[in-house]
Amino acid sequence: MLSRPEILIVGGGVAGLSLATRLGKSMGKPGKARITLIDKSFSHVWKPMLHCFASGTLSNENDKVNFISQASGHHFEFWPGEVASIDRENREVILSPLLEADGSVILESRRMKYDTIVIAIGSCANDFGTPGVKDHCMSIDNLVEANAFNEKFRMELLRAFANTSELDIAIVGGGATGVQLAAELHKALEIVGPYNLHAFGKAPPKLHVTLLQSGARILPAFPESVSAAAQKELEHIGVTVQTNARVAGADAHGFILKDGSYVPAKLRVWAAGVKAPEVTTAYGGLTINRTGQILVNPNLSSIDDERIFALGDCSFIQDDPLPATAQVAGQQAKHLARYLPAWIEHGRKVPGCVFHNKGAIVALGKYNGWAALPGGTVWGGGISHGFSARMAHLMLYRQHQMELFGYYRGLMSCYSDWVETFVRPSVRLD
């Protein structure tokens, strides 16, 4: 080992940034190790809120965590870039060149040494090789994609307003992302309505959202009662929900279903399936499954290399598969933050990570929400809905902020967001 252990954390999502922040306090601050976070972006957002950025109902700069600022205040380092491959023999990662939008090189390819590496690069939607999806559909797997969709959404709304026409949007995937995006788009249009869209004698444009789900019901991870209630709520606000709708292909004007029917849509979003980013195939020959997830032991170390750990959506515990959720990623990050220091300093083996299911929450904008909790009563378990569930979803986000910022700075962030509601539009307009 090097005189000062080098810990590389690849990916600044829920798991990666939480782990870097915690290890910075326990090992970076006292000089026990050098912790470096690597990410191709310069800021972090809580992934369960990406649908809000996509719809424009969330655009506050306070909702992004700048990696450079977070590293400076929490005793770790940040390097922008994407790990192109891992040289396990020499314990090095090779970073791709960092490029400007026009393709010019900002930073050449670089090599970084490591003693321990933690891979937390998250996941992306899985198109299952469906023809036309890559060329004609958008996704919202990260902030860049969410902002790109919002730009298209606003421009198409303007076009629909000018032409007094309807804007058709089709979303493939009836999981939490697709369901919440469908509701949030309607919320955005309701907020936009009063902003003088009728100033030239024209009514606000009409929005028609179609949600396509290949299975028998939306929100399959929730109880059937929640799926039925959520579908009823979506249909009440004007969303068309089609279940057992298998997509055979996509083109520039909509989706072709396997039953031969066609769903026209000006904007097409793919939010179905989960897979790891394709770059995992270049990570030093680590064993991956058919969706690209790295196979790990119960203690989150790779089955091929004890110096490499993977957690969150990009990892797969073969004997105990876990869902790709922020809850799982957060618990795994806390586990490694607790036990990695002893392994690095004293060689004590990291114990297996035990996941404690605390339930799931889905919020349909301002319309409704459901919390499915393990157990037998509403607060100790069961299902709650309405305002309490929506607030619980918001509190999860605030909890995440406080874990990163600390209690007092987290409270100030909440206060700042509240003040912003008095001086900023409630929806992104530019």
Protein backbone atom coordinates (compact mmCIF):
# COMPACT_ATOMS: atom_id res chain seq x y z
CA MET A 1 0.00 0.00 0.00
CA LEU A 2 1.01 3.62 -0.45
CA SER A 3 2.07 5.56 2.66
CA ARG A 4 -1.25 7.38 2.56
CA PRO A 5 -4.03 5.11 1.30
CA GLU A 6 -5.78 6.33 -1.85
CA ILE A 7 -9.55 5.79 -1.87
CA LEU A 8 -11.27 6.54 -5.18
CA ILE A 9 -15.05 6.87 -5.32
CA VAL A 10 -16.43 6.76 -8.85
CA GLY A 11 -19.83 8.43 -9.19
CA GLY A 12 -21.35 11.29 -7.22
CA GLY A 13 -24.92 10.06 -6.90
CA VAL A 14 -26.83 9.28 -3.71
CA ALA A 15 -24.35 6.58 -2.66
CA GLY A 16 -21.10 8.05 -3.94
CA LEU A 17 -21.44 11.58 -2.56
CA SER A 18 -22.78 10.35 0.78
CA LEU A 19 -19.82 7.96 1.12
CA ALA A 20 -17.26 10.61 0.14
CA THR A 21 -18.73 13.07 2.65
CA ARG A 22 -18.70 10.54 5.50
CA LEU A 23 -15.22 9.18 4.74
CA GLY A 24 -13.94 12.74 4.42
CA LYS A 25 -14.91 13.30 8.04
CA SER A 26 -13.61 9.98 9.41
CA MET A 27 -10.44 9.55 7.30
CA GLY A 28 -9.79 12.65 5.21
CA LYS A 29 -9.89 15.20 8.02
CA PRO A 30 -7.41 13.37 10.31
CA GLY A 31 -5.14 12.58 7.34
CA LYS A 32 -5.65 8.82 7.50
CA ALA A 33 -6.41 8.55 3.78
CA ARG A 34 -6.82 10.61 0.64
CA ILE A 35 -10.40 10.39 -0.62
CA THR A 36 -11.11 11.42 -4.21
CA LEU A 37 -14.53 11.61 -5.83
CA ILE A 38 -14.68 11.25 -9.63
CA ASP A 39 -17.72 12.27 -11.67
CA LYS A 40 -18.29 13.50 -15.21
CA SER A 41 -20.64 16.17 -13.88
CA PHE A 42 -19.83 19.07 -11.57
CA SER A 43 -22.90 18.82 -9.36
CA HIS A 44 -25.21 16.35 -7.65
CA VAL A 45 -28.99 16.20 -7.53
CA TRP A 46 -31.17 13.71 -5.69
CA LYS A 47 -32.18 11.30 -8.46
CA PRO A 48 -35.75 10.71 -7.18
CA MET A 49 -36.39 14.42 -7.94
CA LEU A 50 -35.20 14.40 -11.56
CA HIS A 51 -38.78 14.33 -12.86
CA CYS A 52 -39.27 17.73 -11.20
CA PHE A 53 -36.29 19.19 -13.07
CA ALA A 54 -37.63 17.65 -16.29
CA SER A 55 -41.05 19.25 -15.86
CA GLY A 56 -39.60 22.56 -14.65
CA THR A 57 -41.36 22.54 -11.29
CA LEU A 58 -37.93 22.44 -9.63
CA SER A 59 -35.17 24.71 -10.89
CA ASN A 60 -33.69 26.22 -7.75
CA GLU A 61 -29.88 26.25 -7.71
CA ASN A 62 -30.10 25.26 -4.03
CA ASP A 63 -31.31 21.84 -5.14
CA LYS A 64 -27.92 21.06 -6.70
CA VAL A 65 -24.85 20.20 -4.63
CA ASN A 66 -21.63 21.45 -6.21
CA PHE A 67 -18.93 18.77 -5.96
CA ILE A 68 -16.04 21.23 -5.62
CA SER A 69 -17.74 23.11 -2.79
CA GLN A 70 -18.80 19.90 -1.01
CA ALA A 71 -15.27 18.47 -1.29
CA SER A 72 -13.70 21.65 0.05
CA GLY A 73 -15.96 21.69 3.10
CA HIS A 74 -15.80 17.95 3.87
CA HIS A 75 -12.13 17.00 3.50
CA PHE A 76 -12.14 15.07 0.23
CA GLU A 77 -11.03 15.91 -3.30
CA PHE A 78 -13.00 16.08 -6.53
CA TRP A 79 -11.80 15.35 -10.06
CA PRO A 80 -14.08 15.83 -13.08
CA GLY A 81 -14.00 13.00 -15.58
CA GLU A 82 -15.29 9.58 -16.50
CA VAL A 83 -13.45 6.37 -15.67
CA ALA A 84 -12.92 4.70 -19.05
CA SER A 85 -11.22 1.58 -17.69
CA ILE A 86 -9.57 0.06 -14.64
CA ASP A 87 -6.06 -1.42 -14.66
CA ARG A 88 -6.39 -3.86 -11.78
CA GLU A 89 -2.83 -5.17 -12.08
CA ASN A 90 -1.27 -1.73 -11.53
CA ARG A 91 -4.16 -0.44 -9.38
CA GLU A 92 -4.91 2.49 -11.63
CA VAL A 93 -8.00 4.00 -13.19
CA ILE A 94 -7.82 5.59 -16.63
CA LEU A 95 -9.96 8.69 -17.06
CA SER A 96 -11.34 9.68 -20.47
CA PRO A 97 -10.34 13.10 -21.83
CA LEU A 98 -12.55 15.91 -20.56
CA LEU A 99 -14.08 17.68 -23.56
CA GLU A 100 -15.86 20.95 -24.23
CA ALA A 101 -19.22 21.00 -26.00
CA ASP A 102 -17.48 21.56 -29.34
CA GLY A 103 -15.24 18.54 -28.81
CA SER A 104 -12.03 20.39 -27.93
CA VAL A 105 -9.95 18.85 -25.15
CA ILE A 106 -9.92 20.50 -21.72
CA LEU A 107 -8.02 17.73 -19.93
CA GLU A 108 -6.15 14.87 -21.57
CA SER A 109 -6.67 11.27 -20.51
CA ARG A 110 -5.29 10.77 -16.99
CA ARG A 111 -4.26 7.90 -14.74
CA MET A 112 -4.94 7.79 -11.00
CA LYS A 113 -3.57 5.34 -8.47
CA TYR A 114 -5.80 3.62 -5.92
CA ASP A 115 -5.60 1.29 -2.96
CA THR A 116 -9.36 0.94 -2.73
CA ILE A 117 -11.94 1.90 -5.30
CA VAL A 118 -15.69 2.20 -4.80
CA ILE A 119 -17.88 2.19 -7.91
CA ALA A 120 -21.19 4.01 -7.52
CA ILE A 121 -22.11 5.08 -11.04
CA GLY A 122 -25.84 4.42 -10.72
CA SER A 123 -28.07 3.18 -13.51
CA CYS A 124 -29.89 4.26 -16.63
CA ALA A 125 -33.07 3.24 -18.46
CA ASN A 126 -32.96 -0.02 -20.41
CA ASP A 127 -34.39 0.12 -23.93
CA PHE A 128 -33.99 -3.67 -24.34
CA GLY A 129 -32.78 -3.07 -27.88
CA THR A 130 -36.17 -1.73 -29.00
CA PRO A 131 -35.81 -0.28 -32.53
CA GLY A 132 -35.83 3.51 -32.76
CA VAL A 133 -35.60 4.26 -29.04
CA LYS A 134 -32.02 5.58 -29.08
CA ASP A 135 -32.72 7.83 -32.06
CA HIS A 136 -36.17 9.14 -31.24
CA CYS A 137 -36.66 9.06 -27.45
CA MET A 138 -35.41 11.09 -24.52
CA SER A 139 -34.64 9.87 -21.02
CA ILE A 140 -34.18 11.60 -17.65
CA ASP A 141 -31.46 9.52 -15.99
CA ASN A 142 -29.38 12.54 -14.97
CA LEU A 143 -29.62 16.32 -14.63
CA VAL A 144 -28.29 16.99 -18.14
CA GLU A 145 -31.01 14.81 -19.68
CA ALA A 146 -33.70 16.24 -17.40
CA ASN A 147 -32.76 19.80 -18.39
CA ALA A 148 -32.65 18.84 -22.07
CA PHE A 149 -36.17 17.44 -21.83
CA ASN A 150 -37.38 20.56 -20.04
CA GLU A 151 -35.99 22.75 -22.82
CA LYS A 152 -37.86 20.70 -25.43
CA PHE A 153 -41.01 20.67 -23.29
CA ARG A 154 -41.07 24.46 -22.95
CA MET A 155 -40.41 25.02 -26.65
CA GLU A 156 -43.13 22.58 -27.69
CA LEU A 157 -45.56 24.20 -25.25
CA LEU A 158 -44.84 27.55 -26.89
CA ARG A 159 -45.40 26.04 -30.33
CA ALA A 160 -48.70 24.48 -29.21
CA PHE A 161 -49.80 27.81 -27.75
CA ALA A 162 -48.98 29.74 -30.91
CA ASN A 163 -50.75 27.20 -33.13
CA THR A 164 -53.69 26.62 -30.74
CA SER A 165 -52.90 22.92 -30.85
CA GLU A 166 -52.50 20.06 -28.39
CA LEU A 167 -49.12 18.81 -27.16
CA ASP A 168 -48.91 15.01 -27.12
CA ILE A 169 -46.34 13.39 -24.82
CA ALA A 170 -45.89 9.63 -24.42
CA ILE A 171 -43.94 8.09 -21.53
CA VAL A 172 -42.86 4.44 -21.61
CA GLY A 173 -42.53 2.94 -18.15
CA GLY A 174 -45.10 2.77 -15.36
CA GLY A 175 -42.63 2.76 -12.49
CA ALA A 176 -42.16 5.65 -10.08
CA THR A 177 -40.23 7.80 -12.58
CA GLY A 178 -42.79 7.56 -15.37
CA VAL A 179 -45.80 7.94 -13.11
CA GLN A 180 -44.38 10.94 -11.25
CA LEU A 181 -43.25 12.63 -14.48
CA ALA A 182 -46.74 12.31 -15.98
CA ALA A 183 -48.29 14.03 -12.96
CA GLU A 184 -45.57 16.67 -12.70
CA LEU A 185 -46.02 17.71 -16.35
CA HIS A 186 -49.69 18.45 -15.69
CA LYS A 187 -48.75 20.36 -12.56
CA ALA A 188 -46.28 22.46 -14.59
CA LEU A 189 -48.95 23.37 -17.13
CA GLU A 190 -51.40 24.37 -14.39
CA ILE A 191 -48.76 26.66 -12.89
CA VAL A 192 -47.86 28.15 -16.29
CA GLY A 193 -51.52 28.94 -17.10
CA PRO A 194 -51.82 32.21 -15.15
CA TYR A 195 -48.58 33.61 -16.63
CA ASN A 196 -50.43 35.56 -19.35
CA LEU A 197 -50.49 32.76 -21.92
CA HIS A 198 -53.88 34.17 -22.89
CA ALA A 199 -52.49 37.68 -23.44
CA PHE A 200 -53.06 37.49 -27.20
CA GLY A 201 -56.52 36.05 -26.98
CA LYS A 202 -55.45 32.42 -26.91
CA ALA A 203 -56.10 29.85 -24.20
CA PRO A 204 -53.21 27.89 -22.65
CA PRO A 205 -52.25 24.86 -24.74
CA LYS A 206 -53.81 21.50 -23.96
CA LEU A 207 -51.52 18.75 -22.77
CA HIS A 208 -52.18 15.10 -23.54
CA VAL A 209 -49.91 12.64 -21.72
CA THR A 210 -50.03 8.90 -22.43
CA LEU A 211 -48.35 6.50 -19.99
CA LEU A 212 -47.43 3.11 -21.51
CA GLN A 213 -46.79 0.20 -19.14
CA SER A 214 -45.87 -3.25 -20.45
CA GLY A 215 -47.17 -5.02 -17.34
CA ALA A 216 -50.67 -5.47 -16.01
CA ARG A 217 -50.47 -2.47 -13.66
CA ILE A 218 -48.44 0.65 -13.00
CA LEU A 219 -46.19 0.93 -9.92
CA PRO A 220 -45.60 -2.84 -9.76
CA ALA A 221 -43.31 -2.45 -6.73
CA PHE A 222 -46.27 -1.16 -4.69
CA PRO A 223 -49.35 -3.04 -3.44
CA GLU A 224 -52.15 -3.48 -5.99
CA SER A 225 -54.39 -1.05 -4.09
CA VAL A 226 -51.80 1.71 -4.57
CA SER A 227 -51.42 0.89 -8.28
CA ALA A 228 -55.18 1.11 -8.79
CA ALA A 229 -55.50 4.35 -6.82
CA ALA A 230 -52.56 5.95 -8.64
CA GLN A 231 -53.98 5.03 -12.04
CA LYS A 232 -57.36 6.48 -11.07
CA GLU A 233 -55.68 9.72 -9.94
CA LEU A 234 -53.67 10.00 -13.15
CA GLU A 235 -56.75 9.46 -15.27
CA HIS A 236 -58.61 12.04 -13.20
CA ILE A 237 -56.06 14.75 -14.09
CA GLY A 238 -56.14 13.77 -17.76
CA VAL A 239 -53.36 11.21 -18.23
CA THR A 240 -54.17 8.25 -20.49
CA VAL A 241 -52.83 5.06 -18.89
CA GLN A 242 -52.36 1.99 -21.09
CA THR A 243 -51.32 -1.21 -19.34
CA ASN A 244 -50.20 -4.41 -21.10
CA ALA A 245 -48.89 -2.05 -23.78
CA ARG A 246 -45.69 -3.54 -25.15
CA VAL A 247 -43.66 -1.20 -27.34
CA ALA A 248 -42.33 -2.71 -30.56
CA GLY A 249 -40.57 0.39 -31.83
CA ALA A 250 -40.34 4.17 -31.90
CA ASP A 251 -40.13 6.72 -34.68
CA ALA A 252 -40.05 10.50 -34.98
CA HIS A 253 -43.81 10.78 -34.40
CA GLY A 254 -44.66 8.20 -31.72
CA PHE A 255 -44.58 4.58 -30.58
CA ILE A 256 -45.57 1.39 -32.39
CA LEU A 257 -47.09 -1.18 -30.04
CA LYS A 258 -46.81 -4.94 -30.51
CA ASP A 259 -50.57 -5.26 -31.00
CA GLY A 260 -50.20 -3.08 -34.12
CA SER A 261 -51.63 0.12 -32.64
CA TYR A 262 -49.84 3.45 -32.78
CA VAL A 263 -49.45 6.14 -30.09
CA PRO A 264 -48.63 9.54 -31.61
CA ALA A 265 -46.41 11.82 -29.53
CA LYS A 266 -44.43 14.97 -30.20
CA LEU A 267 -42.23 14.22 -27.19
CA ARG A 268 -41.28 10.64 -26.38
CA VAL A 269 -39.74 9.63 -23.03
CA TRP A 270 -38.25 6.21 -22.25
CA ALA A 271 -38.38 5.53 -18.50
CA ALA A 272 -38.60 1.73 -18.53
CA GLY A 273 -36.15 -0.86 -17.28
CA VAL A 274 -32.91 -0.50 -15.34
CA LYS A 275 -29.36 -1.30 -16.38
CA ALA A 276 -25.87 -0.21 -15.39
CA PRO A 277 -23.99 2.18 -17.69
CA GLU A 278 -22.19 0.31 -20.49
CA VAL A 279 -18.80 1.44 -19.19
CA THR A 280 -18.85 -1.37 -16.59
CA THR A 281 -17.77 -3.73 -19.38
CA ALA A 282 -14.39 -1.93 -19.41
CA TYR A 283 -13.77 -2.14 -15.67
CA GLY A 284 -10.84 -4.56 -15.65
CA GLY A 285 -12.81 -7.66 -16.54
CA LEU A 286 -15.03 -7.55 -13.47
CA THR A 287 -17.87 -10.05 -13.63
CA ILE A 288 -21.16 -8.38 -14.58
CA ASN A 289 -24.68 -9.66 -15.15
CA ARG A 290 -26.75 -9.30 -18.33
CA THR A 291 -27.78 -5.75 -17.38
CA GLY A 292 -24.19 -4.66 -16.76
CA GLN A 293 -24.34 -4.63 -12.96
CA ILE A 294 -21.13 -5.62 -11.15
CA LEU A 295 -21.47 -8.85 -9.18
CA VAL A 296 -20.53 -8.29 -5.55
CA ASN A 297 -20.34 -10.26 -2.32
CA PRO A 298 -22.76 -9.48 0.55
CA ASN A 299 -20.14 -7.04 1.91
CA LEU A 300 -20.27 -5.16 -1.45
CA SER A 301 -16.77 -6.15 -2.59
CA SER A 302 -16.43 -7.42 -6.16
CA ILE A 303 -16.45 -11.21 -6.44
CA ASP A 304 -13.25 -10.80 -8.49
CA ASP A 305 -11.25 -8.26 -6.48
CA GLU A 306 -11.45 -7.47 -2.77
CA ARG A 307 -10.01 -3.99 -3.35
CA ILE A 308 -12.95 -3.00 -5.54
CA PHE A 309 -16.37 -2.31 -4.07
CA ALA A 310 -19.60 -1.49 -5.90
CA LEU A 311 -22.84 -0.23 -4.42
CA GLY A 312 -26.18 1.16 -5.42
CA ASP A 313 -27.84 0.57 -8.79
CA CYS A 314 -24.64 -0.57 -10.57
CA SER A 315 -24.08 -3.52 -8.20
CA PHE A 316 -25.80 -6.89 -7.88
CA ILE A 317 -25.68 -9.24 -4.90
CA GLN A 318 -26.31 -12.61 -6.50
CA ASP A 319 -27.62 -14.36 -3.39
CA ASP A 320 -29.74 -11.41 -2.25
CA PRO A 321 -30.85 -9.18 -5.16
CA LEU A 322 -32.02 -5.73 -4.11
CA PRO A 323 -34.09 -3.15 -5.99
CA ALA A 324 -32.36 -0.22 -7.69
CA THR A 325 -33.58 2.48 -5.30
CA ALA A 326 -32.10 5.47 -3.48
CA GLN A 327 -32.99 3.76 -0.19
CA VAL A 328 -30.76 0.77 -0.98
CA ALA A 329 -27.91 2.99 -2.21
CA GLY A 330 -28.08 5.17 0.89
CA GLN A 331 -27.97 2.25 3.32
CA GLN A 332 -25.06 0.65 1.47
CA ALA A 333 -23.12 3.93 1.53
CA LYS A 334 -23.60 4.19 5.30
CA HIS A 335 -22.44 0.58 5.69
CA LEU A 336 -19.19 1.15 3.80
CA ALA A 337 -18.61 4.46 5.55
CA ARG A 338 -18.80 2.61 8.85
CA TYR A 339 -16.60 -0.40 8.04
CA LEU A 340 -14.17 0.64 5.28
CA PRO A 341 -11.86 2.60 7.63
CA ALA A 342 -11.14 -0.47 9.78
CA TRP A 343 -10.50 -2.58 6.67
CA ILE A 344 -8.13 -0.02 5.18
CA GLU A 345 -6.26 0.73 8.44
CA HIS A 346 -6.26 -2.66 10.15
CA GLY A 347 -7.29 -5.22 7.54
CA ARG A 348 -10.55 -6.10 9.30
CA LYS A 349 -12.96 -7.68 6.85
CA VAL A 350 -16.01 -5.63 5.92
CA PRO A 351 -19.08 -7.53 7.15
CA GLY A 352 -22.11 -8.25 4.99
CA CYS A 353 -24.53 -5.39 4.44
CA VAL A 354 -28.06 -6.12 5.63
CA PHE A 355 -30.78 -4.10 3.94
CA HIS A 356 -33.64 -2.89 6.14
CA ASN A 357 -36.68 -2.13 4.02
CA LYS A 358 -38.33 1.04 5.27
CA GLY A 359 -41.02 1.05 2.63
CA ALA A 360 -41.57 3.09 -0.51
CA ILE A 361 -43.16 6.44 -1.30
CA VAL A 362 -44.52 7.85 -4.55
CA ALA A 363 -45.82 11.40 -4.93
CA LEU A 364 -47.98 12.58 -7.84
CA GLY A 365 -47.07 16.26 -7.69
CA LYS A 366 -49.65 18.26 -5.73
CA TYR A 367 -52.41 15.76 -6.51
CA ASN A 368 -51.79 12.77 -4.27
CA GLY A 369 -49.18 10.46 -2.83
CA TRP A 370 -48.83 7.02 -1.25
CA ALA A 371 -46.50 5.58 1.34
CA ALA A 372 -46.31 1.79 1.57
CA LEU A 373 -44.58 0.93 4.84
CA PRO A 374 -43.68 -2.51 6.22
CA GLY A 375 -45.72 -3.66 9.23
CA GLY A 376 -49.33 -3.51 10.26
CA THR A 377 -50.32 0.07 11.05
CA VAL A 378 -49.94 3.34 9.15
CA TRP A 379 -47.07 4.73 11.25
CA GLY A 380 -45.57 1.34 12.07
CA GLY A 381 -46.46 -0.03 8.65
CA GLY A 382 -49.27 -0.23 6.12
CA ILE A 383 -50.39 2.34 3.54
CA SER A 384 -51.02 6.05 3.93
CA HIS A 385 -51.97 8.51 1.22
CA GLY A 386 -52.62 12.16 0.53
CA PHE A 387 -50.86 15.09 2.17
CA SER A 388 -48.96 12.99 4.73
CA ALA A 389 -47.42 10.78 2.03
CA ARG A 390 -46.46 13.79 -0.09
CA MET A 391 -44.82 15.42 2.92
CA ALA A 392 -43.00 12.18 3.74
CA HIS A 393 -41.58 12.18 0.20
CA LEU A 394 -40.39 15.76 0.68
CA MET A 395 -38.89 14.94 4.08
CA LEU A 396 -36.80 12.16 2.53
CA TYR A 397 -35.28 14.78 0.26
CA ARG A 398 -34.65 17.16 3.14
CA GLN A 399 -33.06 14.34 5.13
CA HIS A 400 -30.69 13.69 2.23
CA GLN A 401 -29.74 17.39 2.17
CA MET A 402 -29.01 17.41 5.91
CA GLU A 403 -26.84 14.30 5.60
CA LEU A 404 -24.71 16.12 3.03
CA PHE A 405 -24.75 19.66 4.45
CA GLY A 406 -25.06 19.03 8.15
CA TYR A 407 -28.04 19.93 10.34
CA TYR A 408 -27.77 23.72 10.48
CA ARG A 409 -26.76 24.25 6.86
CA GLY A 410 -29.52 21.83 5.86
CA LEU A 411 -32.06 23.93 7.76
CA MET A 412 -30.76 27.06 6.07
CA SER A 413 -31.23 25.36 2.69
CA CYS A 414 -34.88 24.64 3.59
CA TYR A 415 -35.34 28.26 4.64
CA SER A 416 -33.69 29.53 1.45
CA ASP A 417 -36.01 27.40 -0.67
CA TRP A 418 -39.01 28.80 1.20
CA VAL A 419 -37.88 32.40 0.63
CA GLU A 420 -37.37 31.65 -3.08
CA THR A 421 -41.08 30.87 -3.43
CA PHE A 422 -41.86 34.55 -2.84
CA VAL A 423 -39.43 35.95 -5.42
CA ARG A 424 -39.16 33.29 -8.15
CA PRO A 425 -41.74 31.75 -10.49
CA SER A 426 -43.09 28.39 -9.30
CA VAL A 427 -42.14 26.79 -12.60
CA ARG A 428 -39.18 27.20 -14.91
CA LEU A 429 -40.02 29.73 -17.64
CA ASP A 430 -36.63 30.24 -19.33
